Amino acid sequence: MQKNGLLLLIFALACTGLVAITYVITKPKIDEEELLNKYKVLNQVIPPELHDNELVHHCINVQDDHLLGSRNRHHAYVATLNNAPSAIAIETTAPNGYTGRIELIVGIAIDGTVTGVRVLDHKETPGLGDKIDKRKSDWIDSFVGKSVDGNKDSKWGVRKDGGQFDQFTGATITPRAVVAAVKRTVLFYQANQDELMNRAADCEVSK
């Protein structure tokens, strides 16, 4: 009995060690892939013509329980053109997706116009709610060029609720959650524009 227990212990330790070694070996590659993906997404939500800085190098921490959808700190990335602030990409959360949280990043020009939105993570239903993902449909591009006229702006809703954004057949909850989250993120920007655009970088993206 003791012999079997000892063998199990040795086997468990060997497996743990193997997992640890694999993690150490693969982590630099994983970090590199994550950074490349970050570059790609940031340049999708803020067009190249709006900045001449490396967006990942001007990262700031932001937090707002209500407008950014969670108590967690989010990252935002300030774009500059000829050393002047030109746009910002703000990570945010839609807490009320059909199957949970939807993590987003919203690009906003200095005048408050949305320049792009991408879904960073979600667990929405394949074939229905996952149309928020750019890889599944172009719906997420419907935010580009839009601006928010205050908290009561009735255009910021899905058509079923009288707004300007299409919903998906059989999956209204998901687009409704995303529309509301993007609207709140723009309101967050409007309420904090000067502070956001003039703050020094205070976070670092993994390299």
N, C-alpha and C. Protein backbone atom coordinates (compact mmCIF):
# COMPACT_ATOMS: atom_id res chain seq x y z
N MET A 1 0.84 -1.21 0.00
CA MET A 1 0.00 0.00 0.00
C MET A 1 0.88 1.26 0.00
N GLN A 2 1.91 1.23 0.92
CA GLN A 2 2.80 2.39 0.98
C GLN A 2 3.60 2.54 -0.31
N LYS A 3 3.93 1.37 -0.92
CA LYS A 3 4.69 1.40 -2.16
C LYS A 3 3.87 2.07 -3.27
N ASN A 4 2.58 1.71 -3.35
CA ASN A 4 1.71 2.31 -4.37
C ASN A 4 1.56 3.82 -4.16
N GLY A 5 1.45 4.21 -2.89
CA GLY A 5 1.34 5.63 -2.59
C GLY A 5 2.58 6.39 -3.00
N LEU A 6 3.73 5.76 -2.75
CA LEU A 6 5.00 6.41 -3.13
C LEU A 6 5.10 6.56 -4.65
N LEU A 7 4.67 5.51 -5.37
CA LEU A 7 4.70 5.58 -6.84
C LEU A 7 3.79 6.69 -7.36
N LEU A 8 2.62 6.79 -6.75
CA LEU A 8 1.68 7.85 -7.16
C LEU A 8 2.27 9.23 -6.90
N LEU A 9 2.95 9.36 -5.75
CA LEU A 9 3.57 10.65 -5.41
C LEU A 9 4.66 11.00 -6.42
N ILE A 10 5.49 10.01 -6.76
CA ILE A 10 6.57 10.26 -7.74
C ILE A 10 5.97 10.63 -9.09
N PHE A 11 4.91 9.91 -9.48
CA PHE A 11 4.27 10.20 -10.76
C PHE A 11 3.69 11.62 -10.79
N ALA A 12 3.04 12.01 -9.67
CA ALA A 12 2.45 13.35 -9.59
C ALA A 12 3.53 14.42 -9.66
N LEU A 13 4.64 14.19 -8.93
CA LEU A 13 5.72 15.17 -8.95
C LEU A 13 6.34 15.28 -10.35
N ALA A 14 6.48 14.12 -11.01
CA ALA A 14 7.05 14.13 -12.36
C ALA A 14 6.16 14.90 -13.33
N CYS A 15 4.84 14.68 -13.22
CA CYS A 15 3.88 15.39 -14.10
C CYS A 15 3.92 16.89 -13.83
N THR A 16 3.95 17.25 -12.52
CA THR A 16 3.99 18.67 -12.17
C THR A 16 5.25 19.32 -12.72
N GLY A 17 6.37 18.62 -12.58
CA GLY A 17 7.63 19.14 -13.10
C GLY A 17 7.59 19.30 -14.60
N LEU A 18 7.00 18.34 -15.29
CA LEU A 18 6.91 18.40 -16.74
C LEU A 18 6.07 19.59 -17.19
N VAL A 19 4.94 19.81 -16.49
CA VAL A 19 4.08 20.95 -16.82
C VAL A 19 4.82 22.27 -16.58
N ALA A 20 5.57 22.33 -15.46
CA ALA A 20 6.31 23.56 -15.14
C ALA A 20 7.37 23.84 -16.19
N ILE A 21 8.09 22.81 -16.60
CA ILE A 21 9.14 22.99 -17.61
C ILE A 21 8.53 23.43 -18.94
N THR A 22 7.42 22.82 -19.31
CA THR A 22 6.74 23.19 -20.56
C THR A 22 6.30 24.64 -20.53
N TYR A 23 5.78 25.07 -19.35
CA TYR A 23 5.33 26.46 -19.21
C TYR A 23 6.50 27.43 -19.40
N VAL A 24 7.63 27.13 -18.73
CA VAL A 24 8.80 28.02 -18.81
C VAL A 24 9.31 28.11 -20.25
N ILE A 25 9.31 26.97 -20.95
CA ILE A 25 9.82 26.94 -22.33
C ILE A 25 8.90 27.71 -23.28
N THR A 26 7.58 27.55 -23.09
CA THR A 26 6.63 28.13 -24.05
C THR A 26 6.20 29.55 -23.71
N LYS A 27 6.43 30.01 -22.47
CA LYS A 27 5.93 31.33 -22.07
C LYS A 27 6.43 32.47 -22.95
N PRO A 28 7.74 32.53 -23.28
CA PRO A 28 8.19 33.63 -24.15
C PRO A 28 7.46 33.66 -25.49
N LYS A 29 7.20 32.47 -26.06
CA LYS A 29 6.49 32.41 -27.33
C LYS A 29 5.04 32.88 -27.16
N ILE A 30 4.42 32.46 -26.04
CA ILE A 30 3.04 32.88 -25.77
C ILE A 30 2.98 34.40 -25.60
N ASP A 31 3.94 34.96 -24.83
CA ASP A 31 3.97 36.41 -24.62
C ASP A 31 4.16 37.15 -25.94
N GLU A 32 5.02 36.61 -26.80
CA GLU A 32 5.25 37.24 -28.09
C GLU A 32 3.99 37.24 -28.95
N GLU A 33 3.27 36.12 -28.94
CA GLU A 33 2.03 36.02 -29.72
C GLU A 33 0.98 36.99 -29.18
N GLU A 34 0.90 37.11 -27.84
CA GLU A 34 -0.08 38.02 -27.24
C GLU A 34 0.24 39.47 -27.60
N LEU A 35 1.53 39.81 -27.60
CA LEU A 35 1.91 41.18 -27.94
C LEU A 35 1.61 41.48 -29.41
N LEU A 36 1.90 40.52 -30.29
CA LEU A 36 1.60 40.72 -31.71
C LEU A 36 0.10 40.89 -31.93
N ASN A 37 -0.68 40.10 -31.19
CA ASN A 37 -2.13 40.23 -31.31
C ASN A 37 -2.60 41.58 -30.78
N LYS A 38 -1.94 42.06 -29.71
CA LYS A 38 -2.30 43.38 -29.16
C LYS A 38 -2.03 44.48 -30.19
N TYR A 39 -0.85 44.40 -30.84
CA TYR A 39 -0.53 45.36 -31.90
C TYR A 39 -1.62 45.34 -32.97
N LYS A 40 -1.99 44.14 -33.39
CA LYS A 40 -2.96 43.97 -34.48
C LYS A 40 -4.31 44.58 -34.12
N VAL A 41 -4.80 44.27 -32.91
CA VAL A 41 -6.12 44.76 -32.51
C VAL A 41 -6.11 46.28 -32.35
N LEU A 42 -5.06 46.82 -31.72
CA LEU A 42 -5.00 48.27 -31.53
C LEU A 42 -5.00 49.00 -32.86
N ASN A 43 -4.28 48.46 -33.83
CA ASN A 43 -4.24 49.13 -35.13
C ASN A 43 -5.52 48.92 -35.94
N GLN A 44 -6.35 47.98 -35.49
CA GLN A 44 -7.66 47.83 -36.12
C GLN A 44 -8.67 48.84 -35.57
N VAL A 45 -8.57 49.15 -34.27
CA VAL A 45 -9.56 50.06 -33.69
C VAL A 45 -9.13 51.53 -33.79
N ILE A 46 -7.84 51.76 -34.00
CA ILE A 46 -7.37 53.13 -34.25
C ILE A 46 -6.61 53.12 -35.57
N PRO A 47 -7.16 53.68 -36.62
CA PRO A 47 -6.53 53.65 -37.95
C PRO A 47 -5.13 54.25 -37.93
N PRO A 48 -4.22 53.73 -38.75
CA PRO A 48 -2.84 54.21 -38.78
C PRO A 48 -2.72 55.71 -39.03
N GLU A 49 -3.65 56.28 -39.79
CA GLU A 49 -3.55 57.72 -40.09
C GLU A 49 -3.81 58.60 -38.87
N LEU A 50 -4.30 58.00 -37.79
CA LEU A 50 -4.59 58.78 -36.58
C LEU A 50 -3.47 58.75 -35.56
N HIS A 51 -2.38 58.03 -35.84
CA HIS A 51 -1.30 58.01 -34.85
C HIS A 51 0.04 57.71 -35.52
N ASP A 52 1.10 58.23 -34.87
CA ASP A 52 2.45 57.90 -35.31
C ASP A 52 3.28 57.38 -34.14
N ASN A 53 2.62 57.02 -33.06
CA ASN A 53 3.32 56.40 -31.93
C ASN A 53 2.95 54.92 -31.86
N GLU A 54 3.77 54.16 -31.11
CA GLU A 54 3.44 52.77 -30.85
C GLU A 54 2.42 52.73 -29.71
N LEU A 55 1.21 52.34 -30.01
CA LEU A 55 0.12 52.44 -29.04
C LEU A 55 0.40 51.65 -27.77
N VAL A 56 1.04 50.50 -27.89
CA VAL A 56 1.28 49.69 -26.69
C VAL A 56 2.23 50.37 -25.72
N HIS A 57 2.97 51.37 -26.19
CA HIS A 57 3.93 52.05 -25.32
C HIS A 57 3.32 53.20 -24.53
N HIS A 58 2.06 53.53 -24.81
CA HIS A 58 1.39 54.56 -24.01
C HIS A 58 0.13 53.96 -23.39
N CYS A 59 0.39 53.06 -22.47
CA CYS A 59 -0.68 52.33 -21.79
C CYS A 59 -0.99 53.01 -20.45
N ILE A 60 -2.26 53.22 -20.17
CA ILE A 60 -2.66 53.78 -18.87
C ILE A 60 -3.73 52.89 -18.25
N ASN A 61 -3.79 52.89 -16.93
CA ASN A 61 -4.82 52.13 -16.22
C ASN A 61 -6.07 52.99 -16.04
N VAL A 62 -7.22 52.39 -16.28
CA VAL A 62 -8.48 53.11 -16.08
C VAL A 62 -9.43 52.21 -15.32
N GLN A 63 -10.35 52.83 -14.60
CA GLN A 63 -11.29 52.05 -13.79
C GLN A 63 -12.57 52.85 -13.57
N ASP A 64 -13.68 52.21 -13.80
CA ASP A 64 -14.98 52.81 -13.52
C ASP A 64 -15.99 51.66 -13.43
N ASP A 65 -16.45 51.38 -12.22
CA ASP A 65 -17.32 50.22 -12.02
C ASP A 65 -18.52 50.21 -12.94
N HIS A 66 -19.12 51.36 -13.11
CA HIS A 66 -20.37 51.44 -13.89
C HIS A 66 -20.10 51.58 -15.39
N LEU A 67 -19.33 52.59 -15.77
CA LEU A 67 -19.19 52.88 -17.21
C LEU A 67 -18.32 51.86 -17.93
N LEU A 68 -17.37 51.23 -17.24
CA LEU A 68 -16.50 50.24 -17.90
C LEU A 68 -16.89 48.81 -17.52
N GLY A 69 -18.00 48.65 -16.84
CA GLY A 69 -18.62 47.33 -16.71
C GLY A 69 -18.08 46.39 -15.66
N SER A 70 -17.05 46.77 -14.92
CA SER A 70 -16.56 45.88 -13.87
C SER A 70 -15.69 46.67 -12.90
N ARG A 71 -15.39 46.03 -11.76
CA ARG A 71 -14.52 46.69 -10.78
C ARG A 71 -13.06 46.56 -11.16
N ASN A 72 -12.77 45.76 -12.15
CA ASN A 72 -11.37 45.54 -12.54
C ASN A 72 -10.79 46.76 -13.23
N ARG A 73 -9.47 46.91 -13.08
CA ARG A 73 -8.79 47.93 -13.86
C ARG A 73 -8.68 47.46 -15.30
N HIS A 74 -8.89 48.39 -16.20
CA HIS A 74 -8.72 48.11 -17.62
C HIS A 74 -7.54 48.90 -18.14
N HIS A 75 -7.02 48.48 -19.27
CA HIS A 75 -5.98 49.24 -19.94
C HIS A 75 -6.60 50.14 -21.01
N ALA A 76 -5.97 51.30 -21.19
CA ALA A 76 -6.32 52.18 -22.31
C ALA A 76 -5.01 52.59 -22.98
N TYR A 77 -5.07 52.90 -24.26
CA TYR A 77 -3.87 53.20 -25.03
C TYR A 77 -4.08 54.53 -25.76
N VAL A 78 -3.22 55.49 -25.42
CA VAL A 78 -3.37 56.83 -25.99
C VAL A 78 -2.60 56.93 -27.30
N ALA A 79 -3.28 57.36 -28.34
CA ALA A 79 -2.65 57.58 -29.65
C ALA A 79 -2.24 59.03 -29.76
N THR A 80 -1.07 59.27 -30.34
CA THR A 80 -0.63 60.64 -30.58
C THR A 80 -0.20 60.79 -32.04
N LEU A 81 -0.36 62.01 -32.53
CA LEU A 81 0.07 62.34 -33.89
C LEU A 81 0.84 63.65 -33.81
N ASN A 82 2.10 63.62 -34.20
CA ASN A 82 2.98 64.79 -34.04
C ASN A 82 3.00 65.26 -32.58
N ASN A 83 3.05 64.27 -31.68
CA ASN A 83 3.13 64.49 -30.23
C ASN A 83 1.87 65.08 -29.61
N ALA A 84 0.79 65.15 -30.35
CA ALA A 84 -0.47 65.65 -29.80
C ALA A 84 -1.47 64.48 -29.70
N PRO A 85 -2.22 64.38 -28.59
CA PRO A 85 -3.21 63.29 -28.46
C PRO A 85 -4.21 63.33 -29.62
N SER A 86 -4.49 62.16 -30.19
CA SER A 86 -5.39 62.11 -31.34
C SER A 86 -6.54 61.11 -31.16
N ALA A 87 -6.34 60.11 -30.32
CA ALA A 87 -7.37 59.07 -30.14
C ALA A 87 -6.99 58.22 -28.94
N ILE A 88 -7.90 57.34 -28.56
CA ILE A 88 -7.62 56.44 -27.44
C ILE A 88 -8.36 55.13 -27.66
N ALA A 89 -7.75 54.03 -27.27
CA ALA A 89 -8.41 52.73 -27.30
C ALA A 89 -8.61 52.28 -25.86
N ILE A 90 -9.84 52.04 -25.46
CA ILE A 90 -10.16 51.72 -24.07
C ILE A 90 -10.73 50.31 -23.98
N GLU A 91 -10.11 49.47 -23.14
CA GLU A 91 -10.67 48.14 -22.90
C GLU A 91 -11.86 48.28 -21.95
N THR A 92 -12.90 47.50 -22.18
CA THR A 92 -14.11 47.63 -21.40
C THR A 92 -14.82 46.28 -21.32
N THR A 93 -15.85 46.21 -20.48
CA THR A 93 -16.56 44.94 -20.28
C THR A 93 -18.06 45.14 -20.45
N ALA A 94 -18.66 44.25 -21.24
CA ALA A 94 -20.13 44.18 -21.26
C ALA A 94 -20.48 43.05 -20.29
N PRO A 95 -21.00 43.37 -19.09
CA PRO A 95 -21.19 42.33 -18.07
C PRO A 95 -22.39 41.42 -18.30
N ASN A 96 -23.23 41.79 -19.25
CA ASN A 96 -24.53 41.14 -19.39
C ASN A 96 -24.74 40.47 -20.74
N GLY A 97 -23.70 39.79 -21.24
CA GLY A 97 -23.89 38.99 -22.44
C GLY A 97 -24.81 37.82 -22.14
N TYR A 98 -25.22 37.10 -23.16
CA TYR A 98 -26.16 35.98 -22.97
C TYR A 98 -25.54 34.90 -22.10
N THR A 99 -24.23 34.69 -22.25
CA THR A 99 -23.56 33.64 -21.46
C THR A 99 -22.43 34.21 -20.60
N GLY A 100 -22.53 35.48 -20.25
CA GLY A 100 -21.55 36.05 -19.36
C GLY A 100 -20.92 37.31 -19.90
N ARG A 101 -19.75 37.61 -19.39
CA ARG A 101 -19.06 38.84 -19.76
C ARG A 101 -18.53 38.79 -21.19
N ILE A 102 -18.53 39.95 -21.79
CA ILE A 102 -17.92 40.12 -23.11
C ILE A 102 -16.87 41.21 -22.96
N GLU A 103 -15.62 40.86 -23.26
CA GLU A 103 -14.54 41.83 -23.16
C GLU A 103 -14.33 42.51 -24.51
N LEU A 104 -14.22 43.84 -24.48
CA LEU A 104 -14.15 44.63 -25.71
C LEU A 104 -13.03 45.64 -25.64
N ILE A 105 -12.66 46.17 -26.78
CA ILE A 105 -11.81 47.36 -26.82
C ILE A 105 -12.44 48.33 -27.81
N VAL A 106 -12.51 49.59 -27.38
CA VAL A 106 -13.22 50.61 -28.17
C VAL A 106 -12.24 51.72 -28.54
N GLY A 107 -12.08 51.98 -29.83
CA GLY A 107 -11.25 53.08 -30.30
C GLY A 107 -12.11 54.33 -30.44
N ILE A 108 -11.59 55.46 -29.92
CA ILE A 108 -12.35 56.71 -29.93
C ILE A 108 -11.43 57.84 -30.36
N ALA A 109 -11.81 58.58 -31.40
CA ALA A 109 -11.03 59.75 -31.83
C ALA A 109 -11.18 60.86 -30.81
N ILE A 110 -10.30 61.84 -30.87
CA ILE A 110 -10.29 62.89 -29.86
C ILE A 110 -11.61 63.68 -29.82
N ASP A 111 -12.35 63.68 -30.95
CA ASP A 111 -13.64 64.39 -30.97
C ASP A 111 -14.79 63.51 -30.46
N GLY A 112 -14.48 62.30 -29.99
CA GLY A 112 -15.51 61.43 -29.42
C GLY A 112 -16.12 60.46 -30.41
N THR A 113 -15.70 60.48 -31.66
CA THR A 113 -16.23 59.57 -32.67
C THR A 113 -15.59 58.18 -32.52
N VAL A 114 -16.40 57.15 -32.59
CA VAL A 114 -15.88 55.78 -32.49
C VAL A 114 -15.11 55.44 -33.77
N THR A 115 -13.87 54.97 -33.60
CA THR A 115 -13.04 54.61 -34.76
C THR A 115 -12.98 53.11 -34.99
N GLY A 116 -13.39 52.33 -34.02
CA GLY A 116 -13.39 50.88 -34.20
C GLY A 116 -13.67 50.16 -32.89
N VAL A 117 -14.23 48.98 -32.99
CA VAL A 117 -14.51 48.15 -31.82
C VAL A 117 -14.14 46.70 -32.16
N ARG A 118 -13.53 46.02 -31.22
CA ARG A 118 -13.25 44.60 -31.38
C ARG A 118 -13.60 43.85 -30.10
N VAL A 119 -14.06 42.63 -30.26
CA VAL A 119 -14.32 41.75 -29.13
C VAL A 119 -13.02 41.02 -28.79
N LEU A 120 -12.59 41.15 -27.53
CA LEU A 120 -11.36 40.50 -27.09
C LEU A 120 -11.62 39.10 -26.56
N ASP A 121 -12.78 38.91 -25.92
CA ASP A 121 -13.08 37.59 -25.35
C ASP A 121 -14.58 37.49 -25.11
N HIS A 122 -15.14 36.33 -25.40
CA HIS A 122 -16.56 36.10 -25.15
C HIS A 122 -16.86 34.61 -25.13
N LYS A 123 -18.04 34.29 -24.63
CA LYS A 123 -18.47 32.89 -24.60
C LYS A 123 -19.88 32.79 -25.16
N GLU A 124 -20.20 33.69 -26.10
CA GLU A 124 -21.56 33.70 -26.65
C GLU A 124 -21.81 32.48 -27.54
N THR A 125 -23.08 32.21 -27.79
CA THR A 125 -23.48 30.99 -28.48
C THR A 125 -22.98 30.97 -29.92
N PRO A 126 -22.24 29.93 -30.30
CA PRO A 126 -21.77 29.81 -31.70
C PRO A 126 -22.94 29.82 -32.67
N GLY A 127 -22.80 30.61 -33.73
CA GLY A 127 -23.85 30.66 -34.75
C GLY A 127 -24.92 31.70 -34.46
N LEU A 128 -24.96 32.22 -33.24
CA LEU A 128 -25.95 33.24 -32.88
C LEU A 128 -25.23 34.47 -32.32
N GLY A 129 -24.91 34.43 -31.04
CA GLY A 129 -24.28 35.58 -30.40
C GLY A 129 -22.86 35.84 -30.83
N ASP A 130 -22.19 34.85 -31.39
CA ASP A 130 -20.78 35.07 -31.76
C ASP A 130 -20.62 35.91 -33.01
N LYS A 131 -21.72 36.41 -33.58
CA LYS A 131 -21.61 37.33 -34.72
C LYS A 131 -21.04 38.69 -34.32
N ILE A 132 -20.88 38.91 -33.03
CA ILE A 132 -20.20 40.12 -32.57
C ILE A 132 -18.71 40.05 -32.88
N ASP A 133 -18.21 38.85 -33.14
CA ASP A 133 -16.79 38.64 -33.43
C ASP A 133 -16.51 38.96 -34.90
N LYS A 134 -15.51 39.79 -35.14
CA LYS A 134 -15.17 40.20 -36.51
C LYS A 134 -14.90 39.01 -37.42
N ARG A 135 -14.44 37.90 -36.83
CA ARG A 135 -14.15 36.70 -37.63
C ARG A 135 -15.43 36.02 -38.12
N LYS A 136 -16.58 36.40 -37.52
CA LYS A 136 -17.85 35.78 -37.89
C LYS A 136 -18.74 36.68 -38.75
N SER A 137 -18.66 37.99 -38.53
CA SER A 137 -19.47 38.91 -39.33
C SER A 137 -18.88 40.32 -39.20
N ASP A 138 -19.38 41.24 -40.03
CA ASP A 138 -18.90 42.63 -40.01
C ASP A 138 -19.75 43.51 -39.09
N TRP A 139 -20.65 42.90 -38.32
CA TRP A 139 -21.57 43.69 -37.49
C TRP A 139 -20.83 44.67 -36.58
N ILE A 140 -19.70 44.26 -36.03
CA ILE A 140 -18.98 45.10 -35.07
C ILE A 140 -18.50 46.41 -35.72
N ASP A 141 -18.39 46.43 -37.06
CA ASP A 141 -17.97 47.66 -37.75
C ASP A 141 -19.08 48.71 -37.80
N SER A 142 -20.29 48.34 -37.40
CA SER A 142 -21.41 49.29 -37.47
C SER A 142 -21.24 50.45 -36.49
N PHE A 143 -20.28 50.35 -35.57
CA PHE A 143 -20.05 51.44 -34.62
C PHE A 143 -19.16 52.55 -35.19
N VAL A 144 -18.41 52.24 -36.23
CA VAL A 144 -17.43 53.19 -36.77
C VAL A 144 -18.12 54.47 -37.25
N GLY A 145 -17.60 55.61 -36.80
CA GLY A 145 -18.17 56.89 -37.22
C GLY A 145 -19.30 57.40 -36.35
N LYS A 146 -19.73 56.57 -35.39
CA LYS A 146 -20.84 56.98 -34.52
C LYS A 146 -20.30 57.77 -33.32
N SER A 147 -21.16 58.65 -32.80
CA SER A 147 -20.84 59.38 -31.58
C SER A 147 -22.05 59.34 -30.66
N VAL A 148 -21.84 59.68 -29.40
CA VAL A 148 -22.91 59.59 -28.40
C VAL A 148 -23.28 60.99 -27.95
N ASP A 149 -24.58 61.28 -28.00
CA ASP A 149 -25.08 62.58 -27.58
C ASP A 149 -25.73 62.46 -26.20
N GLY A 150 -24.90 62.23 -25.21
CA GLY A 150 -25.40 62.15 -23.84
C GLY A 150 -25.97 60.79 -23.48
N ASN A 151 -26.20 60.60 -22.19
CA ASN A 151 -26.64 59.31 -21.67
C ASN A 151 -28.01 58.88 -22.22
N LYS A 152 -28.85 59.85 -22.61
CA LYS A 152 -30.20 59.53 -23.07
C LYS A 152 -30.29 59.43 -24.59
N ASP A 153 -29.15 59.35 -25.27
CA ASP A 153 -29.14 59.24 -26.72
C ASP A 153 -29.87 57.96 -27.15
N SER A 154 -31.09 58.12 -27.67
CA SER A 154 -31.94 56.96 -27.98
C SER A 154 -31.46 56.17 -29.20
N LYS A 155 -30.55 56.74 -29.97
CA LYS A 155 -30.05 56.01 -31.15
C LYS A 155 -29.19 54.83 -30.72
N TRP A 156 -28.65 54.89 -29.48
CA TRP A 156 -27.75 53.84 -29.04
C TRP A 156 -28.54 52.66 -28.44
N GLY A 157 -29.13 51.91 -29.35
CA GLY A 157 -29.85 50.71 -28.99
C GLY A 157 -30.01 49.85 -30.23
N VAL A 158 -30.46 48.62 -30.08
CA VAL A 158 -30.74 47.78 -31.25
C VAL A 158 -32.09 48.21 -31.83
N ARG A 159 -32.31 47.90 -33.10
CA ARG A 159 -33.53 48.36 -33.78
C ARG A 159 -34.80 47.90 -33.06
N LYS A 160 -34.74 46.72 -32.46
CA LYS A 160 -35.90 46.20 -31.72
C LYS A 160 -36.29 47.14 -30.59
N ASP A 161 -35.30 47.90 -30.08
CA ASP A 161 -35.56 48.85 -28.99
C ASP A 161 -35.67 50.28 -29.50
N GLY A 162 -35.71 50.44 -30.84
CA GLY A 162 -35.83 51.79 -31.40
C GLY A 162 -34.51 52.44 -31.74
N GLY A 163 -33.41 51.70 -31.63
CA GLY A 163 -32.09 52.25 -31.91
C GLY A 163 -31.66 52.05 -33.35
N GLN A 164 -30.36 52.32 -33.61
CA GLN A 164 -29.83 52.30 -34.97
C GLN A 164 -29.02 51.04 -35.31
N PHE A 165 -28.87 50.13 -34.37
CA PHE A 165 -28.02 48.96 -34.60
C PHE A 165 -28.85 47.70 -34.82
N ASP A 166 -28.44 46.91 -35.81
CA ASP A 166 -29.14 45.66 -36.08
C ASP A 166 -28.97 44.69 -34.92
N GLN A 167 -29.99 43.88 -34.69
CA GLN A 167 -29.84 42.76 -33.77
C GLN A 167 -29.70 41.48 -34.60
N PHE A 168 -29.37 40.39 -33.95
CA PHE A 168 -29.25 39.13 -34.67
C PHE A 168 -30.53 38.33 -34.47
N THR A 169 -30.94 37.63 -35.49
CA THR A 169 -32.12 36.78 -35.36
C THR A 169 -31.89 35.75 -34.27
N GLY A 170 -32.73 35.75 -33.26
CA GLY A 170 -32.63 34.78 -32.17
C GLY A 170 -31.58 35.11 -31.13
N ALA A 171 -30.94 36.28 -31.25
CA ALA A 171 -29.89 36.59 -30.28
C ALA A 171 -29.81 38.10 -30.06
N THR A 172 -30.86 38.65 -29.49
CA THR A 172 -30.90 40.10 -29.27
C THR A 172 -30.08 40.52 -28.05
N ILE A 173 -30.01 39.63 -27.06
CA ILE A 173 -29.35 39.99 -25.80
C ILE A 173 -27.88 40.36 -26.03
N THR A 174 -27.20 39.60 -26.88
CA THR A 174 -25.77 39.84 -27.08
C THR A 174 -25.49 41.19 -27.73
N PRO A 175 -26.09 41.53 -28.89
CA PRO A 175 -25.82 42.84 -29.47
C PRO A 175 -26.30 43.98 -28.57
N ARG A 176 -27.39 43.76 -27.83
CA ARG A 176 -27.88 44.79 -26.91
C ARG A 176 -26.80 45.09 -25.84
N ALA A 177 -26.18 44.04 -25.33
CA ALA A 177 -25.14 44.21 -24.30
C ALA A 177 -23.92 44.94 -24.87
N VAL A 178 -23.55 44.60 -26.10
CA VAL A 178 -22.36 45.23 -26.71
C VAL A 178 -22.64 46.70 -27.02
N VAL A 179 -23.81 46.99 -27.58
CA VAL A 179 -24.17 48.38 -27.89
C VAL A 179 -24.12 49.23 -26.61
N ALA A 180 -24.69 48.70 -25.54
CA ALA A 180 -24.72 49.46 -24.27
C ALA A 180 -23.30 49.67 -23.74
N ALA A 181 -22.44 48.65 -23.86
CA ALA A 181 -21.08 48.77 -23.34
C ALA A 181 -20.27 49.79 -24.13
N VAL A 182 -20.42 49.79 -25.45
CA VAL A 182 -19.69 50.77 -26.27
C VAL A 182 -20.17 52.18 -25.94
N LYS A 183 -21.48 52.33 -25.79
CA LYS A 183 -22.03 53.65 -25.43
C LYS A 183 -21.45 54.13 -24.10
N ARG A 184 -21.44 53.25 -23.09
CA ARG A 184 -20.92 53.64 -21.77
C ARG A 184 -19.43 54.00 -21.85
N THR A 185 -18.70 53.30 -22.70
CA THR A 185 -17.26 53.58 -22.83
C THR A 185 -17.03 54.96 -23.43
N VAL A 186 -17.85 55.32 -24.41
CA VAL A 186 -17.73 56.67 -24.99
C VAL A 186 -18.11 57.72 -23.95
N LEU A 187 -19.13 57.43 -23.14
CA LEU A 187 -19.50 58.36 -22.07
C LEU A 187 -18.36 58.50 -21.05
N PHE A 188 -17.68 57.39 -20.76
CA PHE A 188 -16.52 57.44 -19.87
C PHE A 188 -15.45 58.35 -20.46
N TYR A 189 -15.20 58.20 -21.75
CA TYR A 189 -14.21 59.06 -22.41
C TYR A 189 -14.63 60.53 -22.32
N GLN A 190 -15.89 60.80 -22.62
CA GLN A 190 -16.36 62.19 -22.59
C GLN A 190 -16.21 62.81 -21.20
N ALA A 191 -16.44 62.01 -20.17
CA ALA A 191 -16.38 62.53 -18.80
C ALA A 191 -14.95 62.73 -18.30
N ASN A 192 -13.98 62.06 -18.96
CA ASN A 192 -12.59 62.08 -18.46
C ASN A 192 -11.59 62.45 -19.54
N GLN A 193 -12.04 63.07 -20.61
CA GLN A 193 -11.20 63.28 -21.79
C GLN A 193 -9.87 63.95 -21.47
N ASP A 194 -9.89 65.08 -20.81
CA ASP A 194 -8.65 65.82 -20.56
C ASP A 194 -7.66 65.00 -19.73
N GLU A 195 -8.17 64.36 -18.69
CA GLU A 195 -7.29 63.58 -17.81
C GLU A 195 -6.71 62.38 -18.55
N LEU A 196 -7.52 61.71 -19.36
CA LEU A 196 -7.07 60.53 -20.10
C LEU A 196 -6.00 60.89 -21.13
N MET A 197 -6.24 61.95 -21.85
CA MET A 197 -5.37 62.28 -22.97
C MET A 197 -4.05 62.91 -22.54
N ASN A 198 -3.96 63.33 -21.30
CA ASN A 198 -2.74 64.01 -20.85
C ASN A 198 -2.00 63.26 -19.75
N ARG A 199 -2.44 62.05 -19.45
CA ARG A 199 -1.79 61.29 -18.39
C ARG A 199 -0.58 60.52 -18.95
N ALA A 200 0.48 60.49 -18.15
CA ALA A 200 1.66 59.71 -18.56
C ALA A 200 1.36 58.22 -18.47
N ALA A 201 2.05 57.45 -19.27
CA ALA A 201 1.86 56.00 -19.25
C ALA A 201 2.14 55.46 -17.84
N ASP A 202 1.26 54.56 -17.38
CA ASP A 202 1.45 54.00 -16.04
C ASP A 202 1.21 52.49 -15.99
N CYS A 203 1.25 51.86 -17.13
CA CYS A 203 1.16 50.39 -17.16
C CYS A 203 2.00 49.90 -18.33
N GLU A 204 2.30 48.63 -18.30
CA GLU A 204 3.18 48.08 -19.33
C GLU A 204 2.56 46.81 -19.89
N VAL A 205 2.57 46.71 -21.19
CA VAL A 205 2.07 45.50 -21.84
C VAL A 205 3.19 44.47 -21.84
N SER A 206 2.84 43.22 -21.55
CA SER A 206 3.85 42.14 -21.51
C SER A 206 4.63 42.07 -22.79
N LYS A 207 5.96 41.89 -22.65
CA LYS A 207 6.83 41.78 -23.82
C LYS A 207 7.48 40.41 -23.84
